[in-house]
Amino acid sequence: MLDYEGDTHVYIQIADILRHRLSGLSSGHPVPSEADIQYEFGVARTTARRAIHVLREEGLIYTVQGEGAFVGPAEGAPRKKRKVPLYQQIATEIADQIKAGQFAPRRPIPGEAKLVEQHSVARETVRRAMALLREQGWIYTVPQRGSYVSPKESWPSA
């Protein structure tokens, strides 16, 4: 339980909780993401980031750009594979819905705000999913209007 009124900063309290949890994990094990910490403790992303920073400065965890944070020292540490990134999961789900006919060609798909709420993720995660769908040819975006399902002939063949 976090003490918001006490003399210890919230991010230090979170770092203490995480330090205790990490003590039982093997080197290379993934550490909860900033978003996970933010959700679990009900704090701002900067607070979660500061807690991770404390643990990294202590040498208890290390981060890999684009992959996340892991238990142990950075030098030659093994890393267990993380699950598929959230933005890819969201993009795959939307592509499956398009293939199943839930979203018709040349018709809008849900907007960013709706997808953020639906998937409980950051806006940037939804934007990355949309960018991936555009790149693959599933959707196209009309400025000031939103994103629409591409005509069937534009869909990826796989």
N, C-alpha and C. Protein backbone atom coordinates (compact mmCIF):
# COMPACT_ATOMS: atom_id res chain seq x y z
N MET A 1 0.84 -1.17 0.00
CA MET A 1 0.00 0.00 0.00
C MET A 1 0.89 1.25 0.00
N LEU A 2 0.64 2.15 -0.92
CA LEU A 2 1.45 3.35 -1.02
C LEU A 2 0.97 4.41 -0.03
N ASP A 3 1.94 5.11 0.54
CA ASP A 3 1.64 6.18 1.49
C ASP A 3 1.89 7.51 0.78
N TYR A 4 0.81 8.11 0.28
CA TYR A 4 0.92 9.36 -0.48
C TYR A 4 1.21 10.55 0.43
N GLU A 5 0.91 10.45 1.70
CA GLU A 5 1.08 11.56 2.64
C GLU A 5 2.41 11.48 3.39
N GLY A 6 3.13 10.38 3.27
CA GLY A 6 4.36 10.17 4.04
C GLY A 6 5.53 10.97 3.53
N ASP A 7 6.68 10.76 4.17
CA ASP A 7 7.88 11.52 3.84
C ASP A 7 8.72 10.87 2.75
N THR A 8 8.29 9.71 2.21
CA THR A 8 9.02 9.03 1.15
C THR A 8 8.28 9.18 -0.16
N HIS A 9 9.02 9.60 -1.19
CA HIS A 9 8.41 9.78 -2.50
C HIS A 9 7.74 8.50 -2.97
N VAL A 10 6.65 8.64 -3.71
CA VAL A 10 5.88 7.48 -4.18
C VAL A 10 6.74 6.59 -5.08
N TYR A 11 7.56 7.20 -5.96
CA TYR A 11 8.37 6.38 -6.86
C TYR A 11 9.38 5.53 -6.10
N ILE A 12 9.86 6.03 -4.96
CA ILE A 12 10.80 5.25 -4.14
C ILE A 12 10.06 4.09 -3.47
N GLN A 13 8.83 4.34 -3.04
CA GLN A 13 8.01 3.27 -2.46
C GLN A 13 7.77 2.17 -3.49
N ILE A 14 7.46 2.57 -4.73
CA ILE A 14 7.22 1.60 -5.80
C ILE A 14 8.50 0.83 -6.09
N ALA A 15 9.63 1.53 -6.14
CA ALA A 15 10.92 0.86 -6.37
C ALA A 15 11.18 -0.18 -5.29
N ASP A 16 10.85 0.14 -4.03
CA ASP A 16 11.03 -0.82 -2.93
C ASP A 16 10.17 -2.07 -3.14
N ILE A 17 8.92 -1.86 -3.53
CA ILE A 17 8.02 -2.99 -3.79
C ILE A 17 8.56 -3.85 -4.92
N LEU A 18 8.98 -3.20 -6.00
CA LEU A 18 9.51 -3.94 -7.16
C LEU A 18 10.81 -4.65 -6.81
N ARG A 19 11.67 -4.01 -6.01
CA ARG A 19 12.94 -4.62 -5.59
C ARG A 19 12.66 -5.93 -4.86
N HIS A 20 11.66 -5.92 -4.00
CA HIS A 20 11.29 -7.12 -3.25
C HIS A 20 10.80 -8.21 -4.21
N ARG A 21 9.98 -7.84 -5.18
CA ARG A 21 9.46 -8.81 -6.15
C ARG A 21 10.57 -9.39 -7.03
N LEU A 22 11.53 -8.56 -7.41
CA LEU A 22 12.59 -8.99 -8.31
C LEU A 22 13.58 -9.94 -7.65
N SER A 23 13.66 -9.90 -6.34
CA SER A 23 14.64 -10.72 -5.62
C SER A 23 14.46 -12.21 -5.90
N GLY A 24 13.26 -12.63 -6.22
CA GLY A 24 13.01 -14.04 -6.47
C GLY A 24 13.09 -14.45 -7.94
N LEU A 25 13.40 -13.50 -8.82
CA LEU A 25 13.42 -13.78 -10.25
C LEU A 25 14.84 -14.02 -10.75
N SER A 26 14.96 -14.85 -11.78
CA SER A 26 16.28 -15.14 -12.34
C SER A 26 16.72 -14.02 -13.29
N SER A 27 18.00 -13.96 -13.52
CA SER A 27 18.57 -12.96 -14.41
C SER A 27 17.99 -13.12 -15.81
N GLY A 28 17.62 -12.00 -16.42
CA GLY A 28 17.05 -12.03 -17.76
C GLY A 28 15.54 -12.06 -17.78
N HIS A 29 14.92 -12.22 -16.63
CA HIS A 29 13.45 -12.25 -16.55
C HIS A 29 12.91 -10.85 -16.82
N PRO A 30 11.83 -10.72 -17.63
CA PRO A 30 11.27 -9.39 -17.90
C PRO A 30 10.71 -8.72 -16.64
N VAL A 31 10.89 -7.41 -16.58
CA VAL A 31 10.38 -6.58 -15.49
C VAL A 31 9.08 -5.94 -15.99
N PRO A 32 8.12 -5.69 -15.11
CA PRO A 32 6.88 -5.04 -15.57
C PRO A 32 7.19 -3.73 -16.31
N SER A 33 6.42 -3.44 -17.33
CA SER A 33 6.62 -2.23 -18.11
C SER A 33 6.15 -1.00 -17.33
N GLU A 34 6.52 0.17 -17.82
CA GLU A 34 6.06 1.42 -17.19
C GLU A 34 4.53 1.45 -17.18
N ALA A 35 3.92 1.04 -18.28
CA ALA A 35 2.45 1.03 -18.37
C ALA A 35 1.85 0.09 -17.33
N ASP A 36 2.47 -1.08 -17.14
CA ASP A 36 1.98 -2.03 -16.13
C ASP A 36 2.07 -1.43 -14.73
N ILE A 37 3.20 -0.78 -14.44
CA ILE A 37 3.39 -0.16 -13.13
C ILE A 37 2.39 0.97 -12.94
N GLN A 38 2.23 1.76 -13.98
CA GLN A 38 1.28 2.88 -13.95
C GLN A 38 -0.12 2.36 -13.62
N TYR A 39 -0.53 1.30 -14.28
CA TYR A 39 -1.87 0.73 -14.06
C TYR A 39 -2.00 0.12 -12.67
N GLU A 40 -1.01 -0.68 -12.27
CA GLU A 40 -1.10 -1.38 -10.98
C GLU A 40 -1.15 -0.42 -9.79
N PHE A 41 -0.32 0.63 -9.83
CA PHE A 41 -0.22 1.52 -8.68
C PHE A 41 -1.04 2.79 -8.83
N GLY A 42 -1.63 3.00 -9.99
CA GLY A 42 -2.45 4.19 -10.20
C GLY A 42 -1.65 5.47 -10.16
N VAL A 43 -0.47 5.44 -10.79
CA VAL A 43 0.42 6.61 -10.78
C VAL A 43 0.65 7.09 -12.22
N ALA A 44 1.25 8.25 -12.33
CA ALA A 44 1.59 8.81 -13.64
C ALA A 44 2.76 8.04 -14.24
N ARG A 45 2.88 8.12 -15.55
CA ARG A 45 3.96 7.42 -16.25
C ARG A 45 5.33 7.89 -15.77
N THR A 46 5.48 9.17 -15.48
CA THR A 46 6.78 9.66 -15.01
C THR A 46 7.15 9.05 -13.65
N THR A 47 6.16 8.80 -12.81
CA THR A 47 6.42 8.16 -11.52
C THR A 47 6.91 6.73 -11.73
N ALA A 48 6.25 6.01 -12.65
CA ALA A 48 6.67 4.64 -12.97
C ALA A 48 8.08 4.65 -13.56
N ARG A 49 8.34 5.60 -14.42
CA ARG A 49 9.66 5.72 -15.07
C ARG A 49 10.74 5.98 -14.02
N ARG A 50 10.45 6.82 -13.03
CA ARG A 50 11.42 7.13 -11.98
C ARG A 50 11.71 5.89 -11.14
N ALA A 51 10.69 5.09 -10.85
CA ALA A 51 10.89 3.86 -10.07
C ALA A 51 11.81 2.90 -10.82
N ILE A 52 11.58 2.74 -12.12
CA ILE A 52 12.44 1.88 -12.95
C ILE A 52 13.87 2.43 -12.97
N HIS A 53 13.98 3.75 -13.07
CA HIS A 53 15.30 4.40 -13.10
C HIS A 53 16.09 4.10 -11.82
N VAL A 54 15.42 4.14 -10.67
CA VAL A 54 16.08 3.83 -9.39
C VAL A 54 16.67 2.43 -9.43
N LEU A 55 15.89 1.47 -9.88
CA LEU A 55 16.35 0.07 -9.93
C LEU A 55 17.48 -0.11 -10.93
N ARG A 56 17.40 0.61 -12.04
CA ARG A 56 18.46 0.52 -13.05
C ARG A 56 19.76 1.12 -12.50
N GLU A 57 19.67 2.24 -11.79
CA GLU A 57 20.85 2.87 -11.21
C GLU A 57 21.50 1.97 -10.15
N GLU A 58 20.68 1.17 -9.48
CA GLU A 58 21.21 0.24 -8.46
C GLU A 58 21.82 -1.01 -9.10
N GLY A 59 21.65 -1.17 -10.40
CA GLY A 59 22.21 -2.33 -11.10
C GLY A 59 21.35 -3.58 -10.97
N LEU A 60 20.12 -3.43 -10.48
CA LEU A 60 19.24 -4.59 -10.32
C LEU A 60 18.56 -4.98 -11.62
N ILE A 61 18.38 -4.01 -12.50
CA ILE A 61 17.75 -4.29 -13.79
C ILE A 61 18.51 -3.54 -14.89
N TYR A 62 18.26 -3.93 -16.13
CA TYR A 62 18.81 -3.22 -17.28
C TYR A 62 17.71 -3.12 -18.33
N THR A 63 17.84 -2.15 -19.20
CA THR A 63 16.83 -1.97 -20.24
C THR A 63 17.46 -2.17 -21.61
N VAL A 64 16.63 -2.65 -22.52
CA VAL A 64 17.03 -2.82 -23.91
C VAL A 64 16.03 -2.03 -24.75
N GLN A 65 16.54 -1.08 -25.52
CA GLN A 65 15.68 -0.22 -26.34
C GLN A 65 14.73 -1.07 -27.18
N GLY A 66 13.44 -0.78 -27.07
CA GLY A 66 12.44 -1.48 -27.87
C GLY A 66 12.00 -2.82 -27.33
N GLU A 67 12.68 -3.31 -26.29
CA GLU A 67 12.32 -4.63 -25.73
C GLU A 67 11.82 -4.55 -24.30
N GLY A 68 12.34 -3.61 -23.52
CA GLY A 68 11.89 -3.47 -22.16
C GLY A 68 13.00 -3.60 -21.15
N ALA A 69 12.62 -3.84 -19.90
CA ALA A 69 13.58 -3.96 -18.80
C ALA A 69 13.64 -5.41 -18.34
N PHE A 70 14.85 -5.80 -17.87
CA PHE A 70 15.09 -7.19 -17.48
C PHE A 70 15.88 -7.23 -16.17
N VAL A 71 15.72 -8.30 -15.42
CA VAL A 71 16.41 -8.48 -14.15
C VAL A 71 17.88 -8.76 -14.40
N GLY A 72 18.74 -8.18 -13.55
CA GLY A 72 20.16 -8.49 -13.57
C GLY A 72 21.02 -7.42 -14.20
N PRO A 73 22.34 -7.66 -14.21
CA PRO A 73 23.27 -6.72 -14.84
C PRO A 73 23.20 -6.84 -16.36
N ALA A 74 23.54 -5.76 -17.05
CA ALA A 74 23.42 -5.74 -18.51
C ALA A 74 24.48 -6.57 -19.22
N GLU A 75 25.65 -6.72 -18.64
CA GLU A 75 26.76 -7.40 -19.32
C GLU A 75 26.47 -8.88 -19.58
N GLY A 76 26.24 -9.22 -20.82
CA GLY A 76 26.07 -10.61 -21.23
C GLY A 76 24.91 -11.35 -20.62
N ALA A 77 23.94 -10.64 -20.10
CA ALA A 77 22.81 -11.30 -19.45
C ALA A 77 21.87 -11.90 -20.49
N PRO A 78 21.35 -13.09 -20.20
CA PRO A 78 20.37 -13.68 -21.10
C PRO A 78 19.04 -12.94 -20.96
N ARG A 79 18.25 -12.95 -22.02
CA ARG A 79 16.93 -12.31 -21.96
C ARG A 79 15.90 -13.32 -22.41
N LYS A 80 14.88 -13.43 -21.61
CA LYS A 80 13.75 -14.25 -22.03
C LYS A 80 12.91 -13.41 -22.99
N LYS A 81 12.39 -14.06 -23.99
CA LYS A 81 11.59 -13.35 -24.98
C LYS A 81 10.32 -12.81 -24.36
N ARG A 82 10.02 -11.56 -24.66
CA ARG A 82 8.76 -10.96 -24.23
C ARG A 82 7.68 -11.43 -25.18
N LYS A 83 6.47 -11.27 -24.75
CA LYS A 83 5.35 -11.60 -25.61
C LYS A 83 5.29 -10.59 -26.77
N VAL A 84 4.44 -10.84 -27.73
CA VAL A 84 4.29 -9.96 -28.87
C VAL A 84 3.91 -8.57 -28.36
N PRO A 85 4.55 -7.52 -28.88
CA PRO A 85 4.23 -6.16 -28.42
C PRO A 85 2.74 -5.86 -28.57
N LEU A 86 2.23 -5.03 -27.66
CA LEU A 86 0.81 -4.70 -27.64
C LEU A 86 0.32 -4.10 -28.95
N TYR A 87 1.11 -3.21 -29.55
CA TYR A 87 0.65 -2.59 -30.78
C TYR A 87 0.47 -3.63 -31.89
N GLN A 88 1.33 -4.65 -31.91
CA GLN A 88 1.19 -5.71 -32.91
C GLN A 88 -0.05 -6.56 -32.61
N GLN A 89 -0.32 -6.81 -31.33
CA GLN A 89 -1.51 -7.56 -30.95
C GLN A 89 -2.77 -6.82 -31.39
N ILE A 90 -2.79 -5.50 -31.16
CA ILE A 90 -3.95 -4.69 -31.54
C ILE A 90 -4.11 -4.68 -33.06
N ALA A 91 -3.00 -4.51 -33.78
CA ALA A 91 -3.06 -4.49 -35.25
C ALA A 91 -3.57 -5.83 -35.78
N THR A 92 -3.10 -6.93 -35.22
CA THR A 92 -3.54 -8.25 -35.64
C THR A 92 -5.04 -8.43 -35.38
N GLU A 93 -5.48 -7.98 -34.22
CA GLU A 93 -6.90 -8.10 -33.87
C GLU A 93 -7.77 -7.32 -34.86
N ILE A 94 -7.36 -6.10 -35.19
CA ILE A 94 -8.13 -5.28 -36.14
C ILE A 94 -8.10 -5.91 -37.52
N ALA A 95 -6.94 -6.40 -37.95
CA ALA A 95 -6.84 -7.06 -39.26
C ALA A 95 -7.76 -8.29 -39.31
N ASP A 96 -7.81 -9.05 -38.21
CA ASP A 96 -8.70 -10.21 -38.16
C ASP A 96 -10.17 -9.79 -38.25
N GLN A 97 -10.50 -8.68 -37.61
CA GLN A 97 -11.88 -8.17 -37.68
C GLN A 97 -12.22 -7.72 -39.11
N ILE A 98 -11.25 -7.14 -39.78
CA ILE A 98 -11.46 -6.72 -41.17
C ILE A 98 -11.69 -7.95 -42.04
N LYS A 99 -10.83 -8.96 -41.88
CA LYS A 99 -10.97 -10.20 -42.67
C LYS A 99 -12.31 -10.87 -42.39
N ALA A 100 -12.79 -10.80 -41.15
CA ALA A 100 -14.06 -11.44 -40.77
C ALA A 100 -15.27 -10.64 -41.23
N GLY A 101 -15.03 -9.45 -41.77
CA GLY A 101 -16.14 -8.64 -42.27
C GLY A 101 -16.79 -7.74 -41.23
N GLN A 102 -16.18 -7.63 -40.05
CA GLN A 102 -16.74 -6.76 -39.02
C GLN A 102 -16.58 -5.28 -39.39
N PHE A 103 -15.56 -4.99 -40.18
CA PHE A 103 -15.36 -3.65 -40.71
C PHE A 103 -15.33 -3.76 -42.23
N ALA A 104 -16.25 -3.10 -42.89
CA ALA A 104 -16.37 -3.20 -44.35
C ALA A 104 -15.39 -2.27 -45.06
N PRO A 105 -14.98 -2.64 -46.28
CA PRO A 105 -14.09 -1.77 -47.06
C PRO A 105 -14.69 -0.37 -47.24
N ARG A 106 -13.81 0.61 -47.18
CA ARG A 106 -14.15 2.03 -47.33
C ARG A 106 -15.07 2.56 -46.22
N ARG A 107 -15.13 1.84 -45.11
CA ARG A 107 -15.91 2.27 -43.95
C ARG A 107 -14.93 2.51 -42.79
N PRO A 108 -15.30 3.39 -41.86
CA PRO A 108 -14.36 3.73 -40.78
C PRO A 108 -14.16 2.60 -39.78
N ILE A 109 -12.98 2.60 -39.20
CA ILE A 109 -12.70 1.73 -38.06
C ILE A 109 -12.78 2.63 -36.83
N PRO A 110 -12.85 2.07 -35.62
CA PRO A 110 -12.92 2.92 -34.42
C PRO A 110 -11.73 3.89 -34.36
N GLY A 111 -11.97 5.05 -33.80
CA GLY A 111 -10.94 6.07 -33.68
C GLY A 111 -9.94 5.77 -32.57
N GLU A 112 -8.90 6.59 -32.52
CA GLU A 112 -7.84 6.40 -31.52
C GLU A 112 -8.40 6.36 -30.10
N ALA A 113 -9.23 7.34 -29.77
CA ALA A 113 -9.75 7.43 -28.40
C ALA A 113 -10.52 6.16 -28.02
N LYS A 114 -11.33 5.65 -28.93
CA LYS A 114 -12.11 4.44 -28.67
C LYS A 114 -11.18 3.23 -28.48
N LEU A 115 -10.14 3.12 -29.33
CA LEU A 115 -9.21 1.99 -29.23
C LEU A 115 -8.36 2.08 -27.95
N VAL A 116 -7.98 3.30 -27.56
CA VAL A 116 -7.24 3.49 -26.31
C VAL A 116 -8.08 2.98 -25.14
N GLU A 117 -9.34 3.36 -25.12
CA GLU A 117 -10.25 2.94 -24.05
C GLU A 117 -10.50 1.44 -24.10
N GLN A 118 -10.74 0.92 -25.29
CA GLN A 118 -11.07 -0.49 -25.47
C GLN A 118 -9.92 -1.41 -25.04
N HIS A 119 -8.67 -1.01 -25.35
CA HIS A 119 -7.52 -1.87 -25.08
C HIS A 119 -6.74 -1.46 -23.83
N SER A 120 -7.13 -0.36 -23.20
CA SER A 120 -6.45 0.15 -22.00
C SER A 120 -4.95 0.33 -22.24
N VAL A 121 -4.62 1.03 -23.30
CA VAL A 121 -3.22 1.29 -23.65
C VAL A 121 -3.01 2.78 -23.87
N ALA A 122 -1.77 3.16 -24.03
CA ALA A 122 -1.43 4.56 -24.32
C ALA A 122 -1.80 4.89 -25.76
N ARG A 123 -2.05 6.16 -26.01
CA ARG A 123 -2.40 6.62 -27.37
C ARG A 123 -1.31 6.25 -28.37
N GLU A 124 -0.05 6.35 -27.96
CA GLU A 124 1.06 6.03 -28.86
C GLU A 124 1.02 4.56 -29.28
N THR A 125 0.58 3.68 -28.40
CA THR A 125 0.47 2.26 -28.75
C THR A 125 -0.56 2.07 -29.86
N VAL A 126 -1.69 2.76 -29.75
CA VAL A 126 -2.72 2.69 -30.79
C VAL A 126 -2.20 3.30 -32.09
N ARG A 127 -1.47 4.39 -31.99
CA ARG A 127 -0.92 5.02 -33.21
C ARG A 127 0.06 4.08 -33.92
N ARG A 128 0.86 3.36 -33.15
CA ARG A 128 1.79 2.39 -33.76
C ARG A 128 1.02 1.25 -34.44
N ALA A 129 -0.06 0.81 -33.81
CA ALA A 129 -0.89 -0.25 -34.40
C ALA A 129 -1.49 0.23 -35.72
N MET A 130 -2.00 1.47 -35.71
CA MET A 130 -2.60 2.04 -36.92
C MET A 130 -1.54 2.19 -38.03
N ALA A 131 -0.35 2.64 -37.65
CA ALA A 131 0.73 2.79 -38.63
C ALA A 131 1.08 1.44 -39.25
N LEU A 132 1.11 0.39 -38.42
CA LEU A 132 1.40 -0.95 -38.93
C LEU A 132 0.31 -1.41 -39.90
N LEU A 133 -0.94 -1.17 -39.54
CA LEU A 133 -2.06 -1.55 -40.42
C LEU A 133 -1.99 -0.79 -41.75
N ARG A 134 -1.63 0.49 -41.70
CA ARG A 134 -1.48 1.28 -42.93
C ARG A 134 -0.36 0.73 -43.78
N GLU A 135 0.76 0.43 -43.13
CA GLU A 135 1.93 -0.11 -43.81
C GLU A 135 1.60 -1.44 -44.51
N GLN A 136 0.81 -2.25 -43.85
CA GLN A 136 0.45 -3.56 -44.41
C GLN A 136 -0.63 -3.46 -45.48
N GLY A 137 -1.33 -2.33 -45.55
CA GLY A 137 -2.37 -2.15 -46.55
C GLY A 137 -3.78 -2.43 -46.09
N TRP A 138 -3.99 -2.64 -44.79
CA TRP A 138 -5.33 -2.93 -44.28
C TRP A 138 -6.20 -1.69 -44.20
N ILE A 139 -5.58 -0.56 -43.88
CA ILE A 139 -6.35 0.68 -43.71
C ILE A 139 -5.66 1.84 -44.43
N TYR A 140 -6.40 2.91 -44.58
CA TYR A 140 -5.83 4.18 -45.03
C TYR A 140 -6.45 5.27 -44.17
N THR A 141 -5.76 6.38 -44.05
CA THR A 141 -6.22 7.46 -43.19
C THR A 141 -6.50 8.70 -44.02
N VAL A 142 -7.63 9.32 -43.74
CA VAL A 142 -8.00 10.58 -44.38
C VAL A 142 -7.84 11.66 -43.30
N PRO A 143 -6.95 12.65 -43.55
CA PRO A 143 -6.74 13.70 -42.54
C PRO A 143 -8.07 14.36 -42.12
N GLN A 144 -8.20 14.59 -40.85
CA GLN A 144 -9.37 15.22 -40.24
C GLN A 144 -10.63 14.37 -40.31
N ARG A 145 -10.55 13.15 -40.84
CA ARG A 145 -11.73 12.29 -40.96
C ARG A 145 -11.59 10.98 -40.18
N GLY A 146 -10.41 10.40 -40.20
CA GLY A 146 -10.21 9.13 -39.51
C GLY A 146 -9.60 8.08 -40.41
N SER A 147 -9.60 6.84 -39.95
CA SER A 147 -9.02 5.72 -40.69
C SER A 147 -10.12 4.82 -41.20
N TYR A 148 -9.91 4.33 -42.42
CA TYR A 148 -10.92 3.53 -43.11
C TYR A 148 -10.30 2.23 -43.60
N VAL A 149 -11.14 1.22 -43.75
CA VAL A 149 -10.69 -0.07 -44.27
C VAL A 149 -10.39 0.09 -45.75
N SER A 150 -9.23 -0.41 -46.16
CA SER A 150 -8.83 -0.34 -47.56
C SER A 150 -9.73 -1.24 -48.41
N PRO A 151 -9.84 -0.95 -49.71
CA PRO A 151 -10.57 -1.86 -50.60
C PRO A 151 -9.89 -3.24 -50.57
N LYS A 152 -10.67 -4.29 -50.79
CA LYS A 152 -10.15 -5.67 -50.68
C LYS A 152 -8.90 -5.90 -51.53
N GLU A 153 -8.84 -5.29 -52.72
CA GLU A 153 -7.69 -5.51 -53.60
C GLU A 153 -6.39 -4.96 -53.01
N SER A 154 -6.48 -4.09 -52.01
CA SER A 154 -5.29 -3.52 -51.36
C SER A 154 -4.82 -4.35 -50.15
N TRP A 155 -5.62 -5.30 -49.71
CA TRP A 155 -5.27 -6.09 -48.53
C TRP A 155 -4.04 -6.95 -48.82
N PRO A 156 -3.27 -7.24 -47.78
CA PRO A 156 -2.12 -8.13 -47.96
C PRO A 156 -2.60 -9.52 -48.40
N SER A 157 -1.77 -10.19 -49.17
CA SER A 157 -2.17 -11.50 -49.71
C SER A 157 -1.99 -12.63 -48.69
N ALA A 158 -1.25 -12.40 -47.64
CA ALA A 158 -0.99 -13.48 -46.67
C ALA A 158 -2.13 -13.74 -45.76
